[in-house]
mmCIF file of all heavy atoms, coordinates in Angstrom:
data_MODEL
# 
_entry.id   MODEL 
# 
loop_
_atom_site.group_PDB 
_atom_site.id 
_atom_site.type_symbol 
_atom_site.label_atom_id 
_atom_site.label_alt_id 
_atom_site.label_comp_id 
_atom_site.label_asym_id 
_atom_site.label_entity_id 
_atom_site.label_seq_id 
_atom_site.pdbx_PDB_ins_code 
_atom_site.Cartn_x 
_atom_site.Cartn_y 
_atom_site.Cartn_z 
_atom_site.occupancy 
_atom_site.B_iso_or_equiv 
_atom_site.pdbx_formal_charge 
_atom_site.auth_seq_id 
_atom_site.auth_comp_id 
_atom_site.auth_asym_id 
_atom_site.auth_atom_id 
_atom_site.pdbx_PDB_model_num 
ATOM 1   N N   . ARG A 1 1  ? -30.187 1.350  48.806 1.00 0.00 ? 1  ARG A N   1 
ATOM 2   C CA  . ARG A 1 1  ? -28.756 1.293  48.750 1.00 0.00 ? 1  ARG A CA  1 
ATOM 3   C C   . ARG A 1 1  ? -28.177 2.731  48.775 1.00 0.00 ? 1  ARG A C   1 
ATOM 4   O O   . ARG A 1 1  ? -28.825 3.670  48.263 1.00 0.00 ? 1  ARG A O   1 
ATOM 5   C CB  . ARG A 1 1  ? -28.274 0.547  47.553 1.00 0.00 ? 1  ARG A CB  1 
ATOM 6   C CG  . ARG A 1 1  ? -28.807 -0.877 47.453 1.00 0.00 ? 1  ARG A CG  1 
ATOM 7   C CD  . ARG A 1 1  ? -27.976 -1.644 46.400 1.00 0.00 ? 1  ARG A CD  1 
ATOM 8   N NE  . ARG A 1 1  ? -27.907 -0.972 45.096 1.00 0.00 ? 1  ARG A NE  1 
ATOM 9   C CZ  . ARG A 1 1  ? -28.556 -1.409 44.037 1.00 0.00 ? 1  ARG A CZ  1 
ATOM 10  N NH1 . ARG A 1 1  ? -29.315 -2.439 44.053 1.00 0.00 ? 1  ARG A NH1 1 
ATOM 11  N NH2 . ARG A 1 1  ? -28.366 -0.740 42.909 1.00 0.00 ? 1  ARG A NH2 1 
ATOM 12  N N   . GLN A 1 2  ? -26.967 2.899  49.304 1.00 0.00 ? 2  GLN A N   1 
ATOM 13  C CA  . GLN A 1 2  ? -26.353 4.213  49.354 1.00 0.00 ? 2  GLN A CA  1 
ATOM 14  C C   . GLN A 1 2  ? -26.179 4.780  47.999 1.00 0.00 ? 2  GLN A C   1 
ATOM 15  O O   . GLN A 1 2  ? -26.330 6.031  47.746 1.00 0.00 ? 2  GLN A O   1 
ATOM 16  C CB  . GLN A 1 2  ? -25.051 4.164  50.098 1.00 0.00 ? 2  GLN A CB  1 
ATOM 17  C CG  . GLN A 1 2  ? -25.166 3.940  51.619 1.00 0.00 ? 2  GLN A CG  1 
ATOM 18  C CD  . GLN A 1 2  ? -25.757 5.155  52.347 1.00 0.00 ? 2  GLN A CD  1 
ATOM 19  O OE1 . GLN A 1 2  ? -25.877 6.276  51.777 1.00 0.00 ? 2  GLN A OE1 1 
ATOM 20  N NE2 . GLN A 1 2  ? -26.120 4.972  53.601 1.00 0.00 ? 2  GLN A NE2 1 
ATOM 21  N N   . ASP A 1 3  ? -25.773 3.952  47.005 1.00 0.00 ? 3  ASP A N   1 
ATOM 22  C CA  . ASP A 1 3  ? -25.543 4.521  45.650 1.00 0.00 ? 3  ASP A CA  1 
ATOM 23  C C   . ASP A 1 3  ? -26.849 5.001  45.010 1.00 0.00 ? 3  ASP A C   1 
ATOM 24  O O   . ASP A 1 3  ? -26.852 5.802  44.073 1.00 0.00 ? 3  ASP A O   1 
ATOM 25  C CB  . ASP A 1 3  ? -24.871 3.446  44.773 1.00 0.00 ? 3  ASP A CB  1 
ATOM 26  C CG  . ASP A 1 3  ? -25.688 2.156  44.617 1.00 0.00 ? 3  ASP A CG  1 
ATOM 27  O OD1 . ASP A 1 3  ? -26.350 1.823  45.612 1.00 0.00 ? 3  ASP A OD1 1 
ATOM 28  O OD2 . ASP A 1 3  ? -25.691 1.639  43.512 1.00 0.00 ? 3  ASP A OD2 1 
ATOM 29  N N   . THR A 1 4  ? -27.964 4.457  45.526 1.00 0.00 ? 4  THR A N   1 
ATOM 30  C CA  . THR A 1 4  ? -29.252 4.919  45.052 1.00 0.00 ? 4  THR A CA  1 
ATOM 31  C C   . THR A 1 4  ? -29.612 6.266  45.666 1.00 0.00 ? 4  THR A C   1 
ATOM 32  O O   . THR A 1 4  ? -30.128 7.132  44.965 1.00 0.00 ? 4  THR A O   1 
ATOM 33  C CB  . THR A 1 4  ? -30.390 3.924  45.355 1.00 0.00 ? 4  THR A CB  1 
ATOM 34  O OG1 . THR A 1 4  ? -30.063 2.632  44.729 1.00 0.00 ? 4  THR A OG1 1 
ATOM 35  C CG2 . THR A 1 4  ? -31.743 4.296  44.860 1.00 0.00 ? 4  THR A CG2 1 
ATOM 36  N N   . VAL A 1 5  ? -29.367 6.421  46.987 1.00 0.00 ? 5  VAL A N   1 
ATOM 37  C CA  . VAL A 1 5  ? -29.683 7.662  47.641 1.00 0.00 ? 5  VAL A CA  1 
ATOM 38  C C   . VAL A 1 5  ? -28.931 8.871  47.133 1.00 0.00 ? 5  VAL A C   1 
ATOM 39  O O   . VAL A 1 5  ? -29.453 9.981  47.061 1.00 0.00 ? 5  VAL A O   1 
ATOM 40  C CB  . VAL A 1 5  ? -29.407 7.484  49.179 1.00 0.00 ? 5  VAL A CB  1 
ATOM 41  C CG1 . VAL A 1 5  ? -29.618 8.776  49.919 1.00 0.00 ? 5  VAL A CG1 1 
ATOM 42  C CG2 . VAL A 1 5  ? -30.307 6.379  49.744 1.00 0.00 ? 5  VAL A CG2 1 
ATOM 43  N N   . VAL A 1 6  ? -27.726 8.570  46.594 1.00 0.00 ? 6  VAL A N   1 
ATOM 44  C CA  . VAL A 1 6  ? -26.890 9.661  46.086 1.00 0.00 ? 6  VAL A CA  1 
ATOM 45  C C   . VAL A 1 6  ? -27.611 10.417 44.905 1.00 0.00 ? 6  VAL A C   1 
ATOM 46  O O   . VAL A 1 6  ? -27.378 11.604 44.652 1.00 0.00 ? 6  VAL A O   1 
ATOM 47  C CB  . VAL A 1 6  ? -25.535 9.135  45.647 1.00 0.00 ? 6  VAL A CB  1 
ATOM 48  C CG1 . VAL A 1 6  ? -24.732 10.212 44.824 1.00 0.00 ? 6  VAL A CG1 1 
ATOM 49  C CG2 . VAL A 1 6  ? -24.731 8.704  46.789 1.00 0.00 ? 6  VAL A CG2 1 
ATOM 50  N N   . VAL A 1 7  ? -28.461 9.696  44.216 1.00 0.00 ? 7  VAL A N   1 
ATOM 51  C CA  . VAL A 1 7  ? -29.214 10.298 43.141 1.00 0.00 ? 7  VAL A CA  1 
ATOM 52  C C   . VAL A 1 7  ? -30.024 11.514 43.556 1.00 0.00 ? 7  VAL A C   1 
ATOM 53  O O   . VAL A 1 7  ? -30.354 12.394 42.774 1.00 0.00 ? 7  VAL A O   1 
ATOM 54  C CB  . VAL A 1 7  ? -30.176 9.211  42.476 1.00 0.00 ? 7  VAL A CB  1 
ATOM 55  C CG1 . VAL A 1 7  ? -31.076 9.866  41.380 1.00 0.00 ? 7  VAL A CG1 1 
ATOM 56  C CG2 . VAL A 1 7  ? -29.323 8.103  41.846 1.00 0.00 ? 7  VAL A CG2 1 
ATOM 57  N N   . LEU A 1 8  ? -30.383 11.505 44.843 1.00 0.00 ? 8  LEU A N   1 
ATOM 58  C CA  . LEU A 1 8  ? -31.243 12.554 45.359 1.00 0.00 ? 8  LEU A CA  1 
ATOM 59  C C   . LEU A 1 8  ? -30.507 13.900 45.531 1.00 0.00 ? 8  LEU A C   1 
ATOM 60  O O   . LEU A 1 8  ? -31.159 14.965 45.632 1.00 0.00 ? 8  LEU A O   1 
ATOM 61  C CB  . LEU A 1 8  ? -31.831 12.115 46.746 1.00 0.00 ? 8  LEU A CB  1 
ATOM 62  C CG  . LEU A 1 8  ? -32.527 10.829 46.843 1.00 0.00 ? 8  LEU A CG  1 
ATOM 63  C CD1 . LEU A 1 8  ? -32.940 10.520 48.262 1.00 0.00 ? 8  LEU A CD1 1 
ATOM 64  C CD2 . LEU A 1 8  ? -33.721 10.753 45.889 1.00 0.00 ? 8  LEU A CD2 1 
ATOM 65  N N   . HIS A 1 9  ? -29.189 13.867 45.591 1.00 0.00 ? 9  HIS A N   1 
ATOM 66  C CA  . HIS A 1 9  ? -28.429 15.052 46.061 1.00 0.00 ? 9  HIS A CA  1 
ATOM 67  C C   . HIS A 1 9  ? -28.660 16.266 45.217 1.00 0.00 ? 9  HIS A C   1 
ATOM 68  O O   . HIS A 1 9  ? -28.896 17.363 45.746 1.00 0.00 ? 9  HIS A O   1 
ATOM 69  C CB  . HIS A 1 9  ? -26.921 14.747 46.076 1.00 0.00 ? 9  HIS A CB  1 
ATOM 70  C CG  . HIS A 1 9  ? -26.550 13.886 47.224 1.00 0.00 ? 9  HIS A CG  1 
ATOM 71  N ND1 . HIS A 1 9  ? -25.223 13.633 47.614 1.00 0.00 ? 9  HIS A ND1 1 
ATOM 72  C CD2 . HIS A 1 9  ? -27.290 13.196 48.163 1.00 0.00 ? 9  HIS A CD2 1 
ATOM 73  C CE1 . HIS A 1 9  ? -25.203 12.862 48.645 1.00 0.00 ? 9  HIS A CE1 1 
ATOM 74  N NE2 . HIS A 1 9  ? -26.433 12.591 49.027 1.00 0.00 ? 9  HIS A NE2 1 
ATOM 75  N N   . SER A 1 10 ? -28.695 16.114 43.926 1.00 0.00 ? 10 SER A N   1 
ATOM 76  C CA  . SER A 1 10 ? -28.810 17.314 43.079 1.00 0.00 ? 10 SER A CA  1 
ATOM 77  C C   . SER A 1 10 ? -30.207 17.949 43.134 1.00 0.00 ? 10 SER A C   1 
ATOM 78  O O   . SER A 1 10 ? -30.500 19.101 42.703 1.00 0.00 ? 10 SER A O   1 
ATOM 79  C CB  . SER A 1 10 ? -28.530 17.014 41.602 1.00 0.00 ? 10 SER A CB  1 
ATOM 80  O OG  . SER A 1 10 ? -29.338 16.008 41.083 1.00 0.00 ? 10 SER A OG  1 
ATOM 81  N N   . LEU A 1 11 ? -31.234 17.130 43.682 1.00 0.00 ? 11 LEU A N   1 
ATOM 82  C CA  . LEU A 1 11 ? -32.598 17.639 43.803 1.00 0.00 ? 11 LEU A CA  1 
ATOM 83  C C   . LEU A 1 11 ? -32.826 18.310 45.174 1.00 0.00 ? 11 LEU A C   1 
ATOM 84  O O   . LEU A 1 11 ? -33.838 18.912 45.423 1.00 0.00 ? 11 LEU A O   1 
ATOM 85  C CB  . LEU A 1 11 ? -33.611 16.542 43.606 1.00 0.00 ? 11 LEU A CB  1 
ATOM 86  C CG  . LEU A 1 11 ? -33.894 16.081 42.166 1.00 0.00 ? 11 LEU A CG  1 
ATOM 87  C CD1 . LEU A 1 11 ? -34.706 14.825 42.159 1.00 0.00 ? 11 LEU A CD1 1 
ATOM 88  C CD2 . LEU A 1 11 ? -34.613 17.216 41.372 1.00 0.00 ? 11 LEU A CD2 1 
ATOM 89  N N   . THR A 1 12 ? -31.882 18.187 46.070 1.00 0.00 ? 12 THR A N   1 
ATOM 90  C CA  . THR A 1 12 ? -32.059 18.661 47.417 1.00 0.00 ? 12 THR A CA  1 
ATOM 91  C C   . THR A 1 12 ? -31.202 19.939 47.748 1.00 0.00 ? 12 THR A C   1 
ATOM 92  O O   . THR A 1 12 ? -31.117 20.291 48.923 1.00 0.00 ? 12 THR A O   1 
ATOM 93  C CB  . THR A 1 12 ? -31.702 17.558 48.421 1.00 0.00 ? 12 THR A CB  1 
ATOM 94  O OG1 . THR A 1 12 ? -30.423 17.133 48.177 1.00 0.00 ? 12 THR A OG1 1 
ATOM 95  C CG2 . THR A 1 12 ? -32.700 16.416 48.309 1.00 0.00 ? 12 THR A CG2 1 
ATOM 96  N N   . ASP A 1 13 ? -30.609 20.570 46.722 1.00 0.00 ? 13 ASP A N   1 
ATOM 97  C CA  . ASP A 1 13 ? -29.923 21.795 46.977 1.00 0.00 ? 13 ASP A CA  1 
ATOM 98  C C   . ASP A 1 13 ? -30.328 22.816 45.992 1.00 0.00 ? 13 ASP A C   1 
ATOM 99  O O   . ASP A 1 13 ? -31.416 22.649 45.314 1.00 0.00 ? 13 ASP A O   1 
ATOM 100 C CB  . ASP A 1 13 ? -28.377 21.583 46.922 1.00 0.00 ? 13 ASP A CB  1 
ATOM 101 C CG  . ASP A 1 13 ? -27.842 20.992 45.673 1.00 0.00 ? 13 ASP A CG  1 
ATOM 102 O OD1 . ASP A 1 13 ? -28.493 21.224 44.630 1.00 0.00 ? 13 ASP A OD1 1 
ATOM 103 O OD2 . ASP A 1 13 ? -26.771 20.326 45.684 1.00 0.00 ? 13 ASP A OD2 1 
ATOM 104 N N   . TYR A 1 14 ? -29.621 23.877 45.841 1.00 0.00 ? 14 TYR A N   1 
ATOM 105 C CA  . TYR A 1 14 ? -30.025 24.997 44.975 1.00 0.00 ? 14 TYR A CA  1 
ATOM 106 C C   . TYR A 1 14 ? -30.203 24.646 43.488 1.00 0.00 ? 14 TYR A C   1 
ATOM 107 O O   . TYR A 1 14 ? -30.965 25.305 42.791 1.00 0.00 ? 14 TYR A O   1 
ATOM 108 C CB  . TYR A 1 14 ? -28.933 26.124 45.074 1.00 0.00 ? 14 TYR A CB  1 
ATOM 109 C CG  . TYR A 1 14 ? -27.652 25.786 44.420 1.00 0.00 ? 14 TYR A CG  1 
ATOM 110 C CD1 . TYR A 1 14 ? -27.396 26.099 43.072 1.00 0.00 ? 14 TYR A CD1 1 
ATOM 111 C CD2 . TYR A 1 14 ? -26.663 25.077 45.127 1.00 0.00 ? 14 TYR A CD2 1 
ATOM 112 C CE1 . TYR A 1 14 ? -26.190 25.792 42.441 1.00 0.00 ? 14 TYR A CE1 1 
ATOM 113 C CE2 . TYR A 1 14 ? -25.502 24.709 44.523 1.00 0.00 ? 14 TYR A CE2 1 
ATOM 114 C CZ  . TYR A 1 14 ? -25.221 25.091 43.189 1.00 0.00 ? 14 TYR A CZ  1 
ATOM 115 O OH  . TYR A 1 14 ? -24.084 24.723 42.589 1.00 0.00 ? 14 TYR A OH  1 
ATOM 116 N N   . ARG A 1 15 ? -29.569 23.509 43.071 1.00 0.00 ? 15 ARG A N   1 
ATOM 117 C CA  . ARG A 1 15 ? -29.674 23.097 41.660 1.00 0.00 ? 15 ARG A CA  1 
ATOM 118 C C   . ARG A 1 15 ? -31.077 22.672 41.314 1.00 0.00 ? 15 ARG A C   1 
ATOM 119 O O   . ARG A 1 15 ? -31.602 22.984 40.220 1.00 0.00 ? 15 ARG A O   1 
ATOM 120 C CB  . ARG A 1 15 ? -28.698 22.041 41.391 1.00 0.00 ? 15 ARG A CB  1 
ATOM 121 C CG  . ARG A 1 15 ? -27.233 22.457 41.412 1.00 0.00 ? 15 ARG A CG  1 
ATOM 122 C CD  . ARG A 1 15 ? -26.248 21.277 41.310 1.00 0.00 ? 15 ARG A CD  1 
ATOM 123 N NE  . ARG A 1 15 ? -26.378 20.427 42.533 1.00 0.00 ? 15 ARG A NE  1 
ATOM 124 C CZ  . ARG A 1 15 ? -25.696 19.297 42.662 1.00 0.00 ? 15 ARG A CZ  1 
ATOM 125 N NH1 . ARG A 1 15 ? -24.972 18.817 41.677 1.00 0.00 ? 15 ARG A NH1 1 
ATOM 126 N NH2 . ARG A 1 15 ? -25.778 18.555 43.780 1.00 0.00 ? 15 ARG A NH2 1 
ATOM 127 N N   . ARG A 1 16 ? -31.698 21.812 42.166 1.00 0.00 ? 16 ARG A N   1 
ATOM 128 C CA  . ARG A 1 16 ? -32.978 21.258 41.888 1.00 0.00 ? 16 ARG A CA  1 
ATOM 129 C C   . ARG A 1 16 ? -33.058 20.643 40.477 1.00 0.00 ? 16 ARG A C   1 
ATOM 130 O O   . ARG A 1 16 ? -33.981 20.896 39.709 1.00 0.00 ? 16 ARG A O   1 
ATOM 131 C CB  . ARG A 1 16 ? -34.129 22.323 42.082 1.00 0.00 ? 16 ARG A CB  1 
ATOM 132 C CG  . ARG A 1 16 ? -34.423 22.567 43.551 1.00 0.00 ? 16 ARG A CG  1 
ATOM 133 C CD  . ARG A 1 16 ? -35.364 23.694 43.772 1.00 0.00 ? 16 ARG A CD  1 
ATOM 134 N NE  . ARG A 1 16 ? -36.677 23.477 43.103 1.00 0.00 ? 16 ARG A NE  1 
ATOM 135 C CZ  . ARG A 1 16 ? -37.695 22.712 43.655 1.00 0.00 ? 16 ARG A CZ  1 
ATOM 136 N NH1 . ARG A 1 16 ? -37.505 22.136 44.827 1.00 0.00 ? 16 ARG A NH1 1 
ATOM 137 N NH2 . ARG A 1 16 ? -38.796 22.620 42.966 1.00 0.00 ? 16 ARG A NH2 1 
ATOM 138 N N   . THR A 1 17 ? -32.083 19.853 40.194 1.00 0.00 ? 17 THR A N   1 
ATOM 139 C CA  . THR A 1 17 ? -32.014 19.206 38.902 1.00 0.00 ? 17 THR A CA  1 
ATOM 140 C C   . THR A 1 17 ? -31.878 17.665 39.073 1.00 0.00 ? 17 THR A C   1 
ATOM 141 O O   . THR A 1 17 ? -31.394 17.228 40.103 1.00 0.00 ? 17 THR A O   1 
ATOM 142 C CB  . THR A 1 17 ? -30.792 19.709 38.064 1.00 0.00 ? 17 THR A CB  1 
ATOM 143 O OG1 . THR A 1 17 ? -29.602 19.488 38.790 1.00 0.00 ? 17 THR A OG1 1 
ATOM 144 C CG2 . THR A 1 17 ? -30.985 21.233 37.763 1.00 0.00 ? 17 THR A CG2 1 
ATOM 145 N N   . LEU A 1 18 ? -32.211 16.961 37.993 1.00 0.00 ? 18 LEU A N   1 
ATOM 146 C CA  . LEU A 1 18 ? -32.039 15.527 38.029 1.00 0.00 ? 18 LEU A CA  1 
ATOM 147 C C   . LEU A 1 18 ? -31.476 15.156 36.669 1.00 0.00 ? 18 LEU A C   1 
ATOM 148 O O   . LEU A 1 18 ? -32.210 15.161 35.638 1.00 0.00 ? 18 LEU A O   1 
ATOM 149 C CB  . LEU A 1 18 ? -33.346 14.795 38.245 1.00 0.00 ? 18 LEU A CB  1 
ATOM 150 C CG  . LEU A 1 18 ? -33.331 13.286 38.220 1.00 0.00 ? 18 LEU A CG  1 
ATOM 151 C CD1 . LEU A 1 18 ? -32.460 12.725 39.364 1.00 0.00 ? 18 LEU A CD1 1 
ATOM 152 C CD2 . LEU A 1 18 ? -34.703 12.713 38.330 1.00 0.00 ? 18 LEU A CD2 1 
ATOM 153 N N   . PRO A 1 19 ? -30.208 14.713 36.549 1.00 0.00 ? 19 PRO A N   1 
ATOM 154 C CA  . PRO A 1 19 ? -29.665 14.331 35.292 1.00 0.00 ? 19 PRO A CA  1 
ATOM 155 C C   . PRO A 1 19 ? -30.053 12.912 34.914 1.00 0.00 ? 19 PRO A C   1 
ATOM 156 O O   . PRO A 1 19 ? -30.038 11.960 35.760 1.00 0.00 ? 19 PRO A O   1 
ATOM 157 C CB  . PRO A 1 19 ? -28.135 14.388 35.495 1.00 0.00 ? 19 PRO A CB  1 
ATOM 158 C CG  . PRO A 1 19 ? -27.959 14.210 37.001 1.00 0.00 ? 19 PRO A CG  1 
ATOM 159 C CD  . PRO A 1 19 ? -29.195 14.803 37.667 1.00 0.00 ? 19 PRO A CD  1 
ATOM 160 N N   . LEU A 1 20 ? -30.518 12.711 33.700 1.00 0.00 ? 20 LEU A N   1 
ATOM 161 C CA  . LEU A 1 20 ? -30.847 11.365 33.176 1.00 0.00 ? 20 LEU A CA  1 
ATOM 162 C C   . LEU A 1 20 ? -29.676 10.981 32.285 1.00 0.00 ? 20 LEU A C   1 
ATOM 163 O O   . LEU A 1 20 ? -29.572 11.326 31.144 1.00 0.00 ? 20 LEU A O   1 
ATOM 164 C CB  . LEU A 1 20 ? -32.116 11.429 32.347 1.00 0.00 ? 20 LEU A CB  1 
ATOM 165 C CG  . LEU A 1 20 ? -33.415 11.926 33.103 1.00 0.00 ? 20 LEU A CG  1 
ATOM 166 C CD1 . LEU A 1 20 ? -34.583 11.868 32.138 1.00 0.00 ? 20 LEU A CD1 1 
ATOM 167 C CD2 . LEU A 1 20 ? -33.636 11.173 34.373 1.00 0.00 ? 20 LEU A CD2 1 
ATOM 168 N N   . GLU A 1 21 ? -28.784 10.167 32.905 1.00 0.00 ? 21 GLU A N   1 
ATOM 169 C CA  . GLU A 1 21 ? -27.557 9.821  32.201 1.00 0.00 ? 21 GLU A CA  1 
ATOM 170 C C   . GLU A 1 21 ? -27.798 9.070  30.918 1.00 0.00 ? 21 GLU A C   1 
ATOM 171 O O   . GLU A 1 21 ? -27.085 9.202  29.949 1.00 0.00 ? 21 GLU A O   1 
ATOM 172 C CB  . GLU A 1 21 ? -26.622 9.042  33.143 1.00 0.00 ? 21 GLU A CB  1 
ATOM 173 C CG  . GLU A 1 21 ? -26.132 9.854  34.396 1.00 0.00 ? 21 GLU A CG  1 
ATOM 174 C CD  . GLU A 1 21 ? -25.206 9.066  35.240 1.00 0.00 ? 21 GLU A CD  1 
ATOM 175 O OE1 . GLU A 1 21 ? -24.912 7.857  34.889 1.00 0.00 ? 21 GLU A OE1 1 
ATOM 176 O OE2 . GLU A 1 21 ? -24.743 9.602  36.252 1.00 0.00 ? 21 GLU A OE2 1 
ATOM 177 N N   . LYS A 1 22 ? -28.828 8.247  30.943 1.00 0.00 ? 22 LYS A N   1 
ATOM 178 C CA  . LYS A 1 22 ? -29.062 7.380  29.772 1.00 0.00 ? 22 LYS A CA  1 
ATOM 179 C C   . LYS A 1 22 ? -29.630 8.134  28.600 1.00 0.00 ? 22 LYS A C   1 
ATOM 180 O O   . LYS A 1 22 ? -29.564 7.619  27.454 1.00 0.00 ? 22 LYS A O   1 
ATOM 181 C CB  . LYS A 1 22 ? -30.011 6.196  30.170 1.00 0.00 ? 22 LYS A CB  1 
ATOM 182 C CG  . LYS A 1 22 ? -29.318 5.248  31.128 1.00 0.00 ? 22 LYS A CG  1 
ATOM 183 C CD  . LYS A 1 22 ? -30.238 4.037  31.453 1.00 0.00 ? 22 LYS A CD  1 
ATOM 184 C CE  . LYS A 1 22 ? -29.553 3.084  32.368 1.00 0.00 ? 22 LYS A CE  1 
ATOM 185 N NZ  . LYS A 1 22 ? -30.437 1.884  32.730 1.00 0.00 ? 22 LYS A NZ  1 
ATOM 186 N N   . THR A 1 23 ? -30.223 9.265  28.801 1.00 0.00 ? 23 THR A N   1 
ATOM 187 C CA  . THR A 1 23 ? -30.837 10.065 27.705 1.00 0.00 ? 23 THR A CA  1 
ATOM 188 C C   . THR A 1 23 ? -30.070 11.329 27.462 1.00 0.00 ? 23 THR A C   1 
ATOM 189 O O   . THR A 1 23 ? -30.316 11.957 26.409 1.00 0.00 ? 23 THR A O   1 
ATOM 190 C CB  . THR A 1 23 ? -32.314 10.401 28.033 1.00 0.00 ? 23 THR A CB  1 
ATOM 191 O OG1 . THR A 1 23 ? -32.387 11.316 29.116 1.00 0.00 ? 23 THR A OG1 1 
ATOM 192 C CG2 . THR A 1 23 ? -33.114 9.120  28.337 1.00 0.00 ? 23 THR A CG2 1 
ATOM 193 N N   . GLY A 1 24 ? -29.248 11.755 28.393 1.00 0.00 ? 24 GLY A N   1 
ATOM 194 C CA  . GLY A 1 24 ? -28.548 13.052 28.283 1.00 0.00 ? 24 GLY A CA  1 
ATOM 195 C C   . GLY A 1 24 ? -29.447 14.220 28.663 1.00 0.00 ? 24 GLY A C   1 
ATOM 196 O O   . GLY A 1 24 ? -28.973 15.366 28.539 1.00 0.00 ? 24 GLY A O   1 
ATOM 197 N N   . GLU A 1 25 ? -30.605 14.017 29.165 1.00 0.00 ? 25 GLU A N   1 
ATOM 198 C CA  . GLU A 1 25 ? -31.522 15.040 29.618 1.00 0.00 ? 25 GLU A CA  1 
ATOM 199 C C   . GLU A 1 25 ? -31.208 15.528 30.983 1.00 0.00 ? 25 GLU A C   1 
ATOM 200 O O   . GLU A 1 25 ? -30.860 14.733 31.850 1.00 0.00 ? 25 GLU A O   1 
ATOM 201 C CB  . GLU A 1 25 ? -32.955 14.662 29.495 1.00 0.00 ? 25 GLU A CB  1 
ATOM 202 C CG  . GLU A 1 25 ? -33.930 15.732 29.844 1.00 0.00 ? 25 GLU A CG  1 
ATOM 203 C CD  . GLU A 1 25 ? -35.406 15.285 29.840 1.00 0.00 ? 25 GLU A CD  1 
ATOM 204 O OE1 . GLU A 1 25 ? -35.636 14.061 29.579 1.00 0.00 ? 25 GLU A OE1 1 
ATOM 205 O OE2 . GLU A 1 25 ? -36.297 16.107 30.077 1.00 0.00 ? 25 GLU A OE2 1 
# 
């Protein structure tokens, strides 16, 4: 699903981060 693919965005640019909303990490 498109809303699932959006999760990838922050890992595919200079940020290289993945926010875990449920844990705050």
